[in-house]
């Protein structure tokens, strides 16, 4: 919609971008961008040129830049496009557009699930480098925290070694999961494996079957109720049943054999 209206209206200047010519209104450019206001002030060659050359920017990126100047909105379609517009905004010193692009990059990255982050071709470390190079300080700090919060994903990527010593120290200090958490998790899993291997046999003999003990036997067989939960009086409850073998693993009854007297 913006492009159609833009091309149909009368324009006063042409901008040459990557071999394409984009028409524009000088008054809008001067009012919305201080760099272009200086460029068209009459002291530079661009003020007298029929087609003003724009270097270092693709036509799609510059068209998004012009869209912001005309409509005060910016809707990049991807992380890479948002970064490209951010670079263009920094080049022409349009701070608000630069902040909007920072927000877009953060929103796109936060919406990615862990599997997509692990498999994506987008290099977060290189985004970090570009953010620092083009004075996107808020995005730079946010990306450091993002890397730290997804440490297990980014630490296995080849470009992780490109972090500076200061950045690596910052990420290691704020990383999640932390080293302490991983150590406690490892100890917990090791204890669980040891408990699975442990087994004790409890033997009860010469008991007569009663209605009460039949209920206890049924509960144990159906729900694997922990023997510890039955309390110290369990042997008294079994007074009415001859229990040949009770196999307990991890504190839970897995097998209970009995015969009637």
Protein backbone atom coordinates (compact mmCIF):
# COMPACT_ATOMS: atom_id res chain seq x y z
CA UNK A 1 0.00 0.00 0.00
CA UNK A 2 2.80 2.40 0.90
CA UNK A 3 4.67 1.67 -2.34
CA UNK A 4 1.57 2.29 -4.50
CA UNK A 5 0.77 5.63 -2.89
CA UNK A 6 4.45 6.52 -2.84
CA UNK A 7 4.90 5.99 -6.59
CA UNK A 8 1.66 7.63 -7.64
CA UNK A 9 2.30 10.97 -5.91
CA UNK A 10 4.45 13.78 -7.30
CA UNK A 11 8.05 13.58 -6.14
CA UNK A 12 10.94 16.08 -6.01
CA UNK A 13 14.06 13.94 -5.79
CA UNK A 14 15.29 10.55 -6.99
CA UNK A 15 17.46 8.24 -4.94
CA UNK A 16 19.71 5.71 -6.68
CA UNK A 17 19.96 2.57 -4.55
CA UNK A 18 21.65 -0.63 -5.80
CA UNK A 19 20.80 0.13 -9.42
CA UNK A 20 17.18 1.08 -8.67
CA UNK A 21 15.73 4.58 -8.65
CA UNK A 22 13.40 5.45 -5.76
CA UNK A 23 11.42 8.68 -5.98
CA UNK A 24 10.90 10.72 -2.81
CA UNK A 25 9.75 14.09 -1.53
CA UNK A 26 12.59 16.34 -0.45
CA UNK A 27 10.49 18.08 2.18
CA UNK A 28 9.68 14.78 3.92
CA UNK A 29 13.30 13.64 3.90
CA UNK A 30 14.56 16.96 5.26
CA UNK A 31 11.90 17.10 7.99
CA UNK A 32 12.39 13.50 9.17
CA UNK A 33 16.15 13.00 8.84
CA UNK A 34 18.84 15.46 9.94
CA UNK A 35 21.50 13.78 7.81
CA UNK A 36 19.41 14.20 4.65
CA UNK A 37 18.55 17.75 5.67
CA UNK A 38 22.27 18.53 5.68
CA UNK A 39 22.74 16.57 2.45
CA UNK A 40 20.12 18.66 0.62
CA UNK A 41 21.13 22.00 2.19
CA UNK A 42 22.99 23.23 -0.87
CA UNK A 43 26.51 22.77 0.49
CA UNK A 44 26.89 19.29 -0.99
CA UNK A 45 26.77 17.85 -4.48
CA UNK A 46 23.62 15.86 -3.65
CA UNK A 47 21.65 19.10 -3.46
CA UNK A 48 22.24 19.71 -7.19
CA UNK A 49 22.21 16.12 -8.41
CA UNK A 50 19.28 14.81 -10.40
CA UNK A 51 19.71 11.33 -8.91
CA UNK A 52 21.21 11.15 -5.45
CA UNK A 53 23.33 7.98 -5.02
CA UNK A 54 22.84 5.96 -1.83
CA UNK A 55 25.69 3.59 -1.00
CA UNK A 56 26.03 0.64 1.35
CA UNK A 57 22.31 -0.21 1.52
CA UNK A 58 20.10 -2.58 -0.50
CA UNK A 59 17.02 -1.24 -2.22
CA UNK A 60 14.66 -3.31 -0.02
CA UNK A 61 16.32 -2.04 3.15
CA UNK A 62 16.24 1.57 2.01
CA UNK A 63 12.61 1.24 0.97
CA UNK A 64 11.82 0.10 4.53
CA UNK A 65 13.77 3.12 5.76
CA UNK A 66 11.70 5.42 3.54
CA UNK A 67 8.53 3.72 4.75
CA UNK A 68 9.43 4.69 8.30
CA UNK A 69 10.16 8.30 7.29
CA UNK A 70 6.73 8.56 5.65
CA UNK A 71 4.56 6.50 8.02
CA UNK A 72 6.51 6.41 11.32
CA UNK A 73 6.15 2.61 11.40
CA UNK A 74 8.60 -0.21 10.82
CA UNK A 75 7.67 -3.88 10.31
CA UNK A 76 10.72 -5.94 9.26
CA UNK A 77 9.87 -9.43 8.07
CA UNK A 78 12.82 -11.16 9.75
CA UNK A 79 15.71 -10.77 12.15
CA UNK A 80 18.18 -10.14 9.34
CA UNK A 81 15.98 -7.50 7.73
CA UNK A 82 15.53 -5.78 11.08
CA UNK A 83 19.31 -5.70 11.54
CA UNK A 84 19.78 -4.30 8.03
CA UNK A 85 17.28 -1.50 8.70
CA UNK A 86 18.99 -0.87 12.05
CA UNK A 87 22.32 -0.36 10.24
CA UNK A 88 20.65 2.03 7.80
CA UNK A 89 19.03 3.94 10.66
CA UNK A 90 22.39 4.29 12.40
CA UNK A 91 23.95 5.48 9.15
CA UNK A 92 21.39 8.29 8.86
CA UNK A 93 21.18 8.93 12.63
CA UNK A 94 17.48 8.13 13.03
CA UNK A 95 17.54 7.02 16.66
CA UNK A 96 13.88 6.09 17.06
CA UNK A 97 13.98 3.75 14.07
CA UNK A 98 17.11 2.18 15.47
CA UNK A 99 15.34 1.49 18.78
CA UNK A 100 12.33 0.03 16.97
CA UNK A 101 14.61 -2.36 15.09
CA UNK A 102 16.25 -3.40 18.35
CA UNK A 103 12.82 -4.26 19.75
CA UNK A 104 11.97 -6.23 16.59
CA UNK A 105 15.16 -8.30 16.81
CA UNK A 106 14.49 -9.11 20.47
CA UNK A 107 10.87 -10.05 19.76
CA UNK A 108 11.77 -12.35 16.85
CA UNK A 109 14.49 -14.16 18.83
CA UNK A 110 12.31 -14.56 21.93
CA UNK A 111 9.55 -16.14 19.85
CA UNK A 112 11.87 -18.89 18.59
CA UNK A 113 11.53 -22.27 20.35
CA UNK A 114 14.69 -23.98 21.61
CA UNK A 115 14.82 -26.44 18.70
CA UNK A 116 14.69 -23.62 16.17
CA UNK A 117 17.40 -21.69 18.03
CA UNK A 118 19.62 -24.76 17.95
CA UNK A 119 19.15 -25.35 14.20
CA UNK A 120 18.83 -21.80 12.87
CA UNK A 121 21.43 -20.45 10.47
CA UNK A 122 21.31 -17.04 12.15
CA UNK A 123 24.51 -16.40 14.10
CA UNK A 124 23.63 -14.71 17.38
CA UNK A 125 27.32 -13.95 17.98
CA UNK A 126 27.53 -12.06 14.69
CA UNK A 127 24.35 -10.17 15.56
CA UNK A 128 26.12 -9.24 18.80
CA UNK A 129 29.13 -7.97 16.83
CA UNK A 130 26.94 -5.87 14.51
CA UNK A 131 24.97 -4.45 17.41
CA UNK A 132 28.17 -3.29 19.08
CA UNK A 133 29.63 -1.97 15.82
CA UNK A 134 26.55 0.13 15.04
CA UNK A 135 26.02 1.54 18.55
CA UNK A 136 22.92 -0.52 19.35
CA UNK A 137 23.84 -0.64 23.04
CA UNK A 138 20.49 -1.94 24.31
CA UNK A 139 20.46 -4.77 21.79
CA UNK A 140 24.07 -5.62 22.59
CA UNK A 141 23.35 -6.02 26.32
CA UNK A 142 20.14 -7.97 25.62
CA UNK A 143 21.93 -10.39 23.28
CA UNK A 144 24.55 -11.11 25.96
CA UNK A 145 21.77 -12.01 28.41
CA UNK A 146 20.02 -14.05 25.70
CA UNK A 147 23.18 -16.08 25.09
CA UNK A 148 23.61 -16.60 28.85
CA UNK A 149 19.99 -17.73 29.31
CA UNK A 150 20.35 -20.24 26.45
CA UNK A 151 23.89 -21.27 27.34
CA UNK A 152 23.56 -24.96 26.49
CA UNK A 153 22.43 -24.08 22.95
CA UNK A 154 24.95 -21.39 22.05
CA UNK A 155 27.98 -22.82 23.87
CA UNK A 156 28.03 -25.74 21.39
CA UNK A 157 27.97 -23.51 18.31
CA UNK A 158 31.30 -22.97 16.48
CA UNK A 159 31.13 -19.16 16.66
CA UNK A 160 30.90 -19.18 20.47
CA UNK A 161 34.69 -18.87 20.62
CA UNK A 162 34.41 -15.47 18.90
CA UNK A 163 33.24 -13.91 22.17
CA UNK A 164 35.81 -11.66 23.80
CA UNK A 165 37.21 -12.51 27.22
CA UNK A 166 35.02 -9.85 28.83
CA UNK A 167 31.91 -11.11 27.06
CA UNK A 168 32.72 -14.73 27.92
CA UNK A 169 33.14 -13.81 31.59
CA UNK A 170 29.80 -11.98 31.56
CA UNK A 171 28.02 -14.94 29.93
CA UNK A 172 29.61 -17.47 32.29
CA UNK A 173 28.57 -15.43 35.32
CA UNK A 174 24.93 -15.21 34.22
CA UNK A 175 24.62 -18.55 32.42
CA UNK A 176 21.60 -20.79 32.86
CA UNK A 177 21.63 -23.56 33.77
CA UNK A 178 24.42 -22.64 36.17
CA UNK A 179 27.29 -24.97 37.00
CA UNK A 180 25.92 -25.50 40.51
CA UNK A 181 22.51 -26.52 39.15
CA UNK A 182 24.03 -29.01 36.69
CA UNK A 183 26.19 -30.51 39.43
CA UNK A 184 23.21 -30.97 41.77
CA UNK A 185 21.17 -32.45 38.92
CA UNK A 186 23.96 -34.91 38.13
CA UNK A 187 24.19 -35.98 41.79
CA UNK A 188 20.40 -36.41 41.98
CA UNK A 189 20.31 -38.58 38.85
CA UNK A 190 23.22 -40.66 40.16
CA UNK A 191 21.37 -41.30 43.44
CA UNK A 192 18.26 -42.36 41.53
CA UNK A 193 20.29 -44.83 39.47
CA UNK A 194 21.78 -46.28 42.64
CA UNK A 195 18.33 -46.66 44.23
CA UNK A 196 17.04 -48.49 41.18
CA UNK A 197 19.79 -51.08 41.59
CA UNK A 198 19.16 -51.61 45.32
CA UNK A 199 16.75 -54.37 46.41
CA UNK A 200 15.79 -55.90 49.71
CA UNK A 201 13.64 -58.92 50.49
CA UNK A 202 11.18 -58.92 53.37
CA UNK A 203 9.89 -62.34 54.55
CA UNK A 204 6.77 -62.86 56.66
CA UNK A 205 5.65 -66.38 57.64
CA UNK A 206 2.89 -68.23 59.50
CA UNK A 207 0.14 -65.60 59.18
CA UNK A 208 -3.59 -66.24 58.82
CA UNK A 209 -5.58 -64.48 56.08
CA UNK A 210 -8.06 -61.84 57.31
CA UNK A 211 -10.25 -59.27 55.59
CA UNK A 212 -8.03 -56.41 56.77
CA UNK A 213 -4.80 -57.94 55.53
CA UNK A 214 -6.45 -58.89 52.24
CA UNK A 215 -7.06 -55.16 51.69
CA UNK A 216 -3.42 -54.37 52.45
CA UNK A 217 -2.27 -57.03 50.00
CA UNK A 218 -4.58 -55.68 47.27
CA UNK A 219 -3.36 -52.10 47.75
CA UNK A 220 0.24 -53.18 47.59
CA UNK A 221 -0.28 -55.23 44.46
CA UNK A 222 -2.33 -52.64 42.55
CA UNK A 223 -0.69 -49.33 43.44
CA UNK A 224 2.79 -50.34 44.57
CA UNK A 225 2.30 -48.44 47.82
CA UNK A 226 5.49 -47.66 49.68
CA UNK A 227 6.05 -50.09 52.57
CA UNK A 228 7.37 -47.22 54.68
CA UNK A 229 3.98 -45.51 54.38
CA UNK A 230 2.29 -48.48 56.06
CA UNK A 231 4.11 -47.81 59.34
CA UNK A 232 5.79 -50.14 61.81
CA UNK A 233 2.59 -52.13 62.39
CA UNK A 234 2.71 -53.69 58.93
CA UNK A 235 3.80 -57.07 60.28
CA UNK A 236 0.79 -57.07 62.65
CA UNK A 237 -1.56 -56.31 59.74
CA UNK A 238 -0.24 -59.40 57.98
CA UNK A 239 -1.32 -61.68 60.84
CA UNK A 240 -3.97 -63.28 58.63
CA UNK A 241 -1.84 -64.18 55.60
CA UNK A 242 1.16 -66.38 54.89
CA UNK A 243 3.50 -64.14 52.86
CA UNK A 244 6.12 -66.14 51.02
CA UNK A 245 8.04 -63.17 49.55
CA UNK A 246 7.77 -59.39 49.37
CA UNK A 247 10.23 -57.85 46.91
CA UNK A 248 10.84 -54.11 47.48
CA UNK A 249 12.67 -51.85 45.04
CA UNK A 250 13.15 -48.09 45.63
CA UNK A 251 10.97 -48.48 48.71
CA UNK A 252 7.96 -49.69 46.67
CA UNK A 253 6.41 -53.15 46.75
CA UNK A 254 6.65 -54.75 43.34
CA UNK A 255 5.78 -58.35 44.17
CA UNK A 256 3.82 -59.94 47.00
CA UNK A 257 3.30 -63.70 47.10
CA UNK A 258 1.03 -65.26 49.70
CA UNK A 259 -0.93 -68.48 50.37
CA UNK A 260 -3.92 -69.09 52.60
CA UNK A 261 -3.34 -71.07 55.78
